[in-house]
Amino acid sequence: MVKILVAYASITGNTKKMAQYIAEGVRFNGAEAIVKDITTIKEDGELDGFNGYIFGSPTYHRDMVGSMKKFLLFAKRVNLEGKLAGAFGSYTHSGDAPVLILETMEYVYKMETFELGSFNLKEALIDTPDGMHACQDYGKNFAKDLQ
């Protein structure tokens, strides 16, 4: 079975909700989704054994949050080369974080980027039916690419 890690940083809970909706979409397509707050990942081994990785962070001052920067440095110790990579995040006025995360995954980790690229969603839309479905569709399509 295809196994996907959805790891996120969240300040207000919005990016956490996105992670959960994305994971639902992954599961709708028959893959296993493990959702983790990046602050709970302490060992390199917790990043092993996945076919794909989707990392998420809200945009804060046109950048990813500091905890995501630390996590990306930590994750560099693990060999993720060639694995499928996706990125997502919530925003209020700019949505730069997912692009920066995906670029790190592509150029630093040498991962394969998901064909839909990075995904960001305005915070006001996350709990709407359209926002929920957009997140689920991202997860469904990500899982489909691995099957």
N, C-alpha and C. Protein backbone atom coordinates (compact mmCIF):
# COMPACT_ATOMS: atom_id res chain seq x y z
N MET A 1 0.84 -1.19 0.00
CA MET A 1 0.00 0.00 0.00
C MET A 1 0.88 1.25 0.00
N VAL A 2 0.47 2.23 -0.77
CA VAL A 2 1.16 3.52 -0.82
C VAL A 2 0.97 4.24 0.51
N LYS A 3 2.06 4.79 1.03
CA LYS A 3 2.05 5.47 2.33
C LYS A 3 2.60 6.88 2.15
N ILE A 4 1.83 7.87 2.62
CA ILE A 4 2.17 9.27 2.43
C ILE A 4 2.21 9.99 3.78
N LEU A 5 3.26 10.77 4.00
CA LEU A 5 3.37 11.59 5.20
C LEU A 5 2.90 13.00 4.88
N VAL A 6 1.94 13.48 5.67
CA VAL A 6 1.48 14.86 5.59
C VAL A 6 1.95 15.52 6.88
N ALA A 7 3.03 16.29 6.79
CA ALA A 7 3.62 16.93 7.97
C ALA A 7 3.42 18.43 7.87
N TYR A 8 3.01 19.04 8.97
CA TYR A 8 2.63 20.45 8.91
C TYR A 8 3.11 21.22 10.13
N ALA A 9 3.20 22.53 9.94
CA ALA A 9 3.36 23.50 11.02
C ALA A 9 2.10 24.34 11.01
N SER A 10 1.60 24.70 12.18
CA SER A 10 0.38 25.50 12.23
C SER A 10 0.45 26.45 13.41
N ILE A 11 0.01 27.67 13.19
CA ILE A 11 -0.01 28.66 14.26
C ILE A 11 -1.42 28.81 14.83
N THR A 12 -2.40 28.97 13.95
CA THR A 12 -3.77 29.20 14.39
C THR A 12 -4.68 27.97 14.22
N GLY A 13 -4.13 26.89 13.67
CA GLY A 13 -4.93 25.68 13.45
C GLY A 13 -5.44 25.53 12.03
N ASN A 14 -5.29 26.56 11.22
CA ASN A 14 -5.80 26.48 9.85
C ASN A 14 -5.00 25.53 8.97
N THR A 15 -3.68 25.56 9.08
CA THR A 15 -2.86 24.67 8.28
C THR A 15 -3.03 23.23 8.76
N LYS A 16 -3.28 23.04 10.03
CA LYS A 16 -3.58 21.70 10.57
C LYS A 16 -4.86 21.17 9.92
N LYS A 17 -5.89 21.99 9.82
CA LYS A 17 -7.13 21.56 9.17
C LYS A 17 -6.87 21.18 7.72
N MET A 18 -6.07 21.98 7.04
CA MET A 18 -5.73 21.66 5.65
C MET A 18 -5.05 20.29 5.57
N ALA A 19 -4.12 20.03 6.48
CA ALA A 19 -3.41 18.75 6.50
C ALA A 19 -4.39 17.60 6.66
N GLN A 20 -5.36 17.76 7.54
CA GLN A 20 -6.35 16.71 7.77
C GLN A 20 -7.23 16.49 6.54
N TYR A 21 -7.63 17.57 5.87
CA TYR A 21 -8.43 17.43 4.65
C TYR A 21 -7.63 16.81 3.52
N ILE A 22 -6.36 17.19 3.40
CA ILE A 22 -5.49 16.60 2.37
C ILE A 22 -5.34 15.10 2.64
N ALA A 23 -5.15 14.73 3.89
CA ALA A 23 -5.02 13.32 4.25
C ALA A 23 -6.30 12.55 3.92
N GLU A 24 -7.46 13.17 4.13
CA GLU A 24 -8.71 12.52 3.74
C GLU A 24 -8.71 12.21 2.25
N GLY A 25 -8.27 13.16 1.45
CA GLY A 25 -8.20 12.96 0.01
C GLY A 25 -7.26 11.82 -0.36
N VAL A 26 -6.12 11.74 0.33
CA VAL A 26 -5.18 10.64 0.11
C VAL A 26 -5.89 9.31 0.38
N ARG A 27 -6.62 9.25 1.49
CA ARG A 27 -7.32 8.01 1.87
C ARG A 27 -8.45 7.69 0.91
N PHE A 28 -9.13 8.71 0.38
CA PHE A 28 -10.20 8.48 -0.61
C PHE A 28 -9.66 7.72 -1.82
N ASN A 29 -8.38 7.90 -2.10
CA ASN A 29 -7.77 7.24 -3.26
C ASN A 29 -7.11 5.92 -2.88
N GLY A 30 -7.35 5.42 -1.68
CA GLY A 30 -6.87 4.10 -1.27
C GLY A 30 -5.47 4.04 -0.72
N ALA A 31 -4.85 5.16 -0.48
CA ALA A 31 -3.50 5.18 0.09
C ALA A 31 -3.59 5.45 1.59
N GLU A 32 -2.51 5.15 2.28
CA GLU A 32 -2.43 5.43 3.71
C GLU A 32 -1.83 6.81 3.92
N ALA A 33 -2.45 7.61 4.77
CA ALA A 33 -1.95 8.94 5.09
C ALA A 33 -1.64 9.03 6.58
N ILE A 34 -0.44 9.44 6.90
CA ILE A 34 -0.03 9.69 8.28
C ILE A 34 0.10 11.21 8.41
N VAL A 35 -0.63 11.80 9.34
CA VAL A 35 -0.60 13.24 9.56
C VAL A 35 0.18 13.51 10.85
N LYS A 36 1.19 14.40 10.75
CA LYS A 36 2.01 14.72 11.93
C LYS A 36 2.30 16.21 12.00
N ASP A 37 2.20 16.73 13.19
CA ASP A 37 2.68 18.07 13.48
C ASP A 37 4.21 17.96 13.50
N ILE A 38 4.89 18.83 12.78
CA ILE A 38 6.35 18.71 12.66
C ILE A 38 7.07 18.81 14.00
N THR A 39 6.44 19.46 14.98
CA THR A 39 7.10 19.58 16.29
C THR A 39 7.14 18.26 17.04
N THR A 40 6.39 17.26 16.59
CA THR A 40 6.39 15.95 17.25
C THR A 40 7.39 15.00 16.62
N ILE A 41 7.99 15.36 15.51
CA ILE A 41 8.95 14.49 14.82
C ILE A 41 10.34 14.76 15.38
N LYS A 42 10.87 13.77 16.07
CA LYS A 42 12.16 13.94 16.78
C LYS A 42 13.27 13.05 16.24
N GLU A 43 12.93 11.95 15.59
CA GLU A 43 13.92 10.98 15.12
C GLU A 43 13.91 10.91 13.60
N ASP A 44 15.09 10.71 13.01
CA ASP A 44 15.19 10.56 11.55
C ASP A 44 14.28 9.45 11.05
N GLY A 45 14.21 8.36 11.80
CA GLY A 45 13.43 7.20 11.39
C GLY A 45 11.94 7.47 11.21
N GLU A 46 11.45 8.54 11.83
CA GLU A 46 10.03 8.87 11.69
C GLU A 46 9.71 9.37 10.28
N LEU A 47 10.74 9.67 9.49
CA LEU A 47 10.54 10.13 8.11
C LEU A 47 10.79 9.02 7.09
N ASP A 48 11.17 7.84 7.56
CA ASP A 48 11.45 6.72 6.67
C ASP A 48 10.19 5.95 6.32
N GLY A 49 10.23 5.27 5.17
CA GLY A 49 9.18 4.33 4.82
C GLY A 49 7.98 4.90 4.11
N PHE A 50 8.06 6.13 3.64
CA PHE A 50 6.95 6.74 2.93
C PHE A 50 7.25 6.80 1.44
N ASN A 51 6.21 6.68 0.63
CA ASN A 51 6.36 6.80 -0.82
C ASN A 51 6.30 8.25 -1.27
N GLY A 52 5.64 9.09 -0.49
CA GLY A 52 5.50 10.49 -0.82
C GLY A 52 5.41 11.35 0.43
N TYR A 53 5.73 12.62 0.25
CA TYR A 53 5.77 13.56 1.38
C TYR A 53 5.08 14.86 0.98
N ILE A 54 4.19 15.32 1.85
CA ILE A 54 3.52 16.61 1.64
C ILE A 54 3.77 17.43 2.90
N PHE A 55 4.48 18.54 2.75
CA PHE A 55 4.82 19.39 3.89
C PHE A 55 4.02 20.69 3.80
N GLY A 56 3.54 21.18 4.94
CA GLY A 56 2.73 22.39 4.94
C GLY A 56 3.09 23.38 6.03
N SER A 57 2.93 24.65 5.68
CA SER A 57 3.20 25.75 6.61
C SER A 57 2.36 26.95 6.22
N PRO A 58 1.89 27.69 7.20
CA PRO A 58 1.25 28.96 6.85
C PRO A 58 2.32 29.95 6.38
N THR A 59 1.87 30.94 5.65
CA THR A 59 2.77 32.02 5.27
C THR A 59 2.70 33.09 6.34
N TYR A 60 3.87 33.47 6.83
CA TYR A 60 3.97 34.51 7.86
C TYR A 60 5.05 35.48 7.41
N HIS A 61 4.66 36.71 7.18
CA HIS A 61 5.57 37.74 6.66
C HIS A 61 6.25 37.28 5.37
N ARG A 62 5.45 36.76 4.45
CA ARG A 62 5.90 36.33 3.13
C ARG A 62 6.93 35.20 3.17
N ASP A 63 6.87 34.38 4.22
CA ASP A 63 7.83 33.29 4.40
C ASP A 63 7.14 32.16 5.15
N MET A 64 7.78 31.00 5.19
CA MET A 64 7.29 29.91 6.02
C MET A 64 7.61 30.23 7.48
N VAL A 65 6.93 29.59 8.40
CA VAL A 65 7.18 29.84 9.82
C VAL A 65 8.53 29.23 10.22
N GLY A 66 9.10 29.74 11.29
CA GLY A 66 10.42 29.31 11.75
C GLY A 66 10.51 27.82 12.04
N SER A 67 9.46 27.25 12.62
CA SER A 67 9.51 25.82 12.94
C SER A 67 9.60 24.97 11.67
N MET A 68 9.04 25.44 10.56
CA MET A 68 9.16 24.71 9.30
C MET A 68 10.59 24.80 8.77
N LYS A 69 11.21 25.97 8.92
CA LYS A 69 12.61 26.10 8.49
C LYS A 69 13.49 25.11 9.25
N LYS A 70 13.29 25.01 10.57
CA LYS A 70 14.05 24.06 11.38
C LYS A 70 13.78 22.63 10.93
N PHE A 71 12.52 22.33 10.67
CA PHE A 71 12.15 20.98 10.24
C PHE A 71 12.80 20.63 8.90
N LEU A 72 12.82 21.59 7.98
CA LEU A 72 13.44 21.32 6.68
C LEU A 72 14.93 21.04 6.82
N LEU A 73 15.60 21.70 7.74
CA LEU A 73 17.02 21.40 8.00
C LEU A 73 17.16 20.00 8.60
N PHE A 74 16.26 19.65 9.51
CA PHE A 74 16.26 18.32 10.12
C PHE A 74 16.01 17.25 9.06
N ALA A 75 15.02 17.46 8.21
CA ALA A 75 14.65 16.47 7.19
C ALA A 75 15.74 16.26 6.15
N LYS A 76 16.63 17.22 6.02
CA LYS A 76 17.72 17.09 5.05
C LYS A 76 18.64 15.92 5.39
N ARG A 77 18.65 15.51 6.65
CA ARG A 77 19.49 14.39 7.09
C ARG A 77 18.99 13.05 6.56
N VAL A 78 17.74 13.01 6.14
CA VAL A 78 17.13 11.78 5.65
C VAL A 78 17.20 11.78 4.13
N ASN A 79 17.46 10.63 3.54
CA ASN A 79 17.52 10.55 2.08
C ASN A 79 16.12 10.49 1.49
N LEU A 80 15.64 11.61 0.95
CA LEU A 80 14.33 11.68 0.34
C LEU A 80 14.42 11.76 -1.18
N GLU A 81 15.61 11.63 -1.71
CA GLU A 81 15.83 11.77 -3.15
C GLU A 81 14.93 10.83 -3.94
N GLY A 82 14.28 11.40 -4.97
CA GLY A 82 13.44 10.63 -5.87
C GLY A 82 12.03 10.40 -5.39
N LYS A 83 11.73 10.73 -4.15
CA LYS A 83 10.37 10.56 -3.61
C LYS A 83 9.49 11.69 -4.12
N LEU A 84 8.17 11.44 -4.16
CA LEU A 84 7.23 12.46 -4.62
C LEU A 84 7.03 13.51 -3.53
N ALA A 85 7.07 14.79 -3.92
CA ALA A 85 6.98 15.90 -2.99
C ALA A 85 5.81 16.82 -3.31
N GLY A 86 5.11 17.22 -2.28
CA GLY A 86 4.05 18.22 -2.40
C GLY A 86 4.17 19.20 -1.25
N ALA A 87 3.54 20.36 -1.38
CA ALA A 87 3.58 21.37 -0.32
C ALA A 87 2.28 22.16 -0.31
N PHE A 88 1.90 22.61 0.87
CA PHE A 88 0.65 23.35 1.01
C PHE A 88 0.77 24.37 2.14
N GLY A 89 -0.19 25.27 2.18
CA GLY A 89 -0.22 26.22 3.27
C GLY A 89 -1.40 27.16 3.21
N SER A 90 -1.65 27.78 4.34
CA SER A 90 -2.73 28.76 4.44
C SER A 90 -2.11 30.16 4.46
N TYR A 91 -2.94 31.14 4.11
CA TYR A 91 -2.43 32.51 4.09
C TYR A 91 -3.58 33.49 4.25
N THR A 92 -3.21 34.74 4.58
CA THR A 92 -4.20 35.81 4.62
C THR A 92 -4.00 36.80 3.49
N HIS A 93 -2.74 37.18 3.21
CA HIS A 93 -2.51 38.18 2.16
C HIS A 93 -1.42 37.79 1.16
N SER A 94 -0.60 36.82 1.47
CA SER A 94 0.36 36.29 0.48
C SER A 94 0.52 34.81 0.76
N GLY A 95 0.80 34.04 -0.24
CA GLY A 95 0.88 32.59 -0.08
C GLY A 95 2.23 32.05 -0.48
N ASP A 96 3.30 32.62 0.03
CA ASP A 96 4.65 32.28 -0.41
C ASP A 96 5.21 30.98 0.17
N ALA A 97 4.78 30.58 1.35
CA ALA A 97 5.40 29.44 2.04
C ALA A 97 5.39 28.14 1.24
N PRO A 98 4.25 27.71 0.68
CA PRO A 98 4.27 26.43 -0.04
C PRO A 98 5.25 26.38 -1.20
N VAL A 99 5.39 27.48 -1.91
CA VAL A 99 6.35 27.52 -3.03
C VAL A 99 7.77 27.34 -2.51
N LEU A 100 8.10 28.03 -1.42
CA LEU A 100 9.45 27.92 -0.84
C LEU A 100 9.73 26.51 -0.33
N ILE A 101 8.74 25.90 0.28
CA ILE A 101 8.90 24.53 0.77
C ILE A 101 9.14 23.57 -0.40
N LEU A 102 8.31 23.68 -1.43
CA LEU A 102 8.44 22.77 -2.57
C LEU A 102 9.77 22.97 -3.29
N GLU A 103 10.23 24.20 -3.38
CA GLU A 103 11.54 24.44 -3.99
C GLU A 103 12.66 23.77 -3.18
N THR A 104 12.56 23.80 -1.87
CA THR A 104 13.53 23.12 -1.02
C THR A 104 13.49 21.62 -1.27
N MET A 105 12.29 21.08 -1.35
CA MET A 105 12.14 19.64 -1.58
C MET A 105 12.72 19.25 -2.94
N GLU A 106 12.52 20.09 -3.94
CA GLU A 106 13.00 19.78 -5.28
C GLU A 106 14.51 19.98 -5.42
N TYR A 107 15.00 21.14 -5.03
CA TYR A 107 16.39 21.49 -5.31
C TYR A 107 17.39 21.05 -4.24
N VAL A 108 16.98 21.00 -3.00
CA VAL A 108 17.88 20.59 -1.93
C VAL A 108 17.81 19.08 -1.70
N TYR A 109 16.59 18.55 -1.61
CA TYR A 109 16.42 17.12 -1.34
C TYR A 109 16.45 16.27 -2.61
N LYS A 110 16.32 16.91 -3.78
CA LYS A 110 16.29 16.20 -5.08
C LYS A 110 15.07 15.27 -5.19
N MET A 111 13.94 15.76 -4.68
CA MET A 111 12.70 15.00 -4.76
C MET A 111 12.00 15.31 -6.09
N GLU A 112 11.08 14.46 -6.47
CA GLU A 112 10.25 14.69 -7.66
C GLU A 112 9.06 15.52 -7.23
N THR A 113 8.80 16.62 -7.90
CA THR A 113 7.68 17.48 -7.49
C THR A 113 6.37 16.99 -8.10
N PHE A 114 5.36 17.08 -7.31
CA PHE A 114 4.00 16.72 -7.69
C PHE A 114 3.55 17.60 -8.85
N GLU A 115 2.89 17.01 -9.83
CA GLU A 115 2.53 17.73 -11.05
C GLU A 115 1.66 18.97 -10.81
N LEU A 116 0.89 18.98 -9.73
CA LEU A 116 0.06 20.16 -9.44
C LEU A 116 0.85 21.24 -8.71
N GLY A 117 2.08 20.96 -8.36
CA GLY A 117 2.91 21.95 -7.69
C GLY A 117 2.50 22.17 -6.25
N SER A 118 2.73 23.36 -5.77
CA SER A 118 2.34 23.69 -4.39
C SER A 118 0.90 24.17 -4.37
N PHE A 119 0.31 24.09 -3.18
CA PHE A 119 -1.10 24.42 -3.02
C PHE A 119 -1.26 25.35 -1.82
N ASN A 120 -1.89 26.50 -2.05
CA ASN A 120 -2.18 27.36 -0.91
C ASN A 120 -3.64 27.78 -0.95
N LEU A 121 -4.14 28.08 0.22
CA LEU A 121 -5.55 28.38 0.37
C LEU A 121 -5.72 29.52 1.37
N LYS A 122 -6.51 30.50 0.98
CA LYS A 122 -6.79 31.62 1.87
C LYS A 122 -7.51 31.11 3.12
N GLU A 123 -7.08 31.59 4.27
CA GLU A 123 -7.62 31.09 5.54
C GLU A 123 -9.13 31.15 5.62
N ALA A 124 -9.73 32.17 5.06
CA ALA A 124 -11.19 32.32 5.13
C ALA A 124 -11.94 31.23 4.36
N LEU A 125 -11.24 30.51 3.49
CA LEU A 125 -11.89 29.48 2.66
C LEU A 125 -11.73 28.07 3.20
N ILE A 126 -10.87 27.86 4.16
CA ILE A 126 -10.52 26.50 4.60
C ILE A 126 -11.74 25.72 5.06
N ASP A 127 -12.59 26.32 5.87
CA ASP A 127 -13.75 25.59 6.41
C ASP A 127 -14.99 25.66 5.53
N THR A 128 -14.86 26.15 4.33
CA THR A 128 -15.99 26.15 3.40
C THR A 128 -15.99 24.84 2.62
N PRO A 129 -17.13 24.45 2.07
CA PRO A 129 -17.14 23.23 1.25
C PRO A 129 -16.13 23.28 0.11
N ASP A 130 -15.99 24.43 -0.55
CA ASP A 130 -15.02 24.55 -1.64
C ASP A 130 -13.59 24.38 -1.15
N GLY A 131 -13.27 24.97 -0.01
CA GLY A 131 -11.93 24.85 0.55
C GLY A 131 -11.61 23.41 0.95
N MET A 132 -12.57 22.77 1.62
CA MET A 132 -12.38 21.38 2.03
C MET A 132 -12.17 20.49 0.81
N HIS A 133 -12.98 20.67 -0.21
CA HIS A 133 -12.87 19.84 -1.42
C HIS A 133 -11.56 20.11 -2.17
N ALA A 134 -11.11 21.36 -2.18
CA ALA A 134 -9.84 21.68 -2.83
C ALA A 134 -8.69 20.93 -2.14
N CYS A 135 -8.69 20.91 -0.82
CA CYS A 135 -7.66 20.18 -0.08
C CYS A 135 -7.75 18.68 -0.37
N GLN A 136 -8.96 18.15 -0.32
CA GLN A 136 -9.15 16.72 -0.58
C GLN A 136 -8.70 16.36 -2.00
N ASP A 137 -9.01 17.21 -2.96
CA ASP A 137 -8.59 16.95 -4.35
C ASP A 137 -7.07 16.93 -4.47
N TYR A 138 -6.40 17.82 -3.75
CA TYR A 138 -4.93 17.83 -3.77
C TYR A 138 -4.41 16.48 -3.27
N GLY A 139 -4.96 16.02 -2.15
CA GLY A 139 -4.55 14.72 -1.61
C GLY A 139 -4.88 13.56 -2.52
N LYS A 140 -6.07 13.57 -3.11
CA LYS A 140 -6.47 12.49 -4.03
C LYS A 140 -5.53 12.41 -5.22
N ASN A 141 -5.24 13.55 -5.82
CA ASN A 141 -4.37 13.56 -6.99
C ASN A 141 -2.93 13.19 -6.65
N PHE A 142 -2.47 13.59 -5.48
CA PHE A 142 -1.13 13.21 -5.03
C PHE A 142 -1.03 11.69 -4.92
N ALA A 143 -2.01 11.09 -4.26
CA ALA A 143 -2.02 9.62 -4.08
C ALA A 143 -2.14 8.92 -5.43
N LYS A 144 -2.94 9.48 -6.32
CA LYS A 144 -3.12 8.89 -7.66
C LYS A 144 -1.79 8.84 -8.40
N ASP A 145 -0.96 9.86 -8.25
CA ASP A 145 0.34 9.90 -8.92
C ASP A 145 1.28 8.79 -8.44
N LEU A 146 1.04 8.26 -7.25
CA LEU A 146 1.89 7.22 -6.70
C LEU A 146 1.37 5.81 -6.99
N GLN A 147 0.19 5.71 -7.58
CA GLN A 147 -0.39 4.39 -7.81
C GLN A 147 -0.25 3.96 -9.26
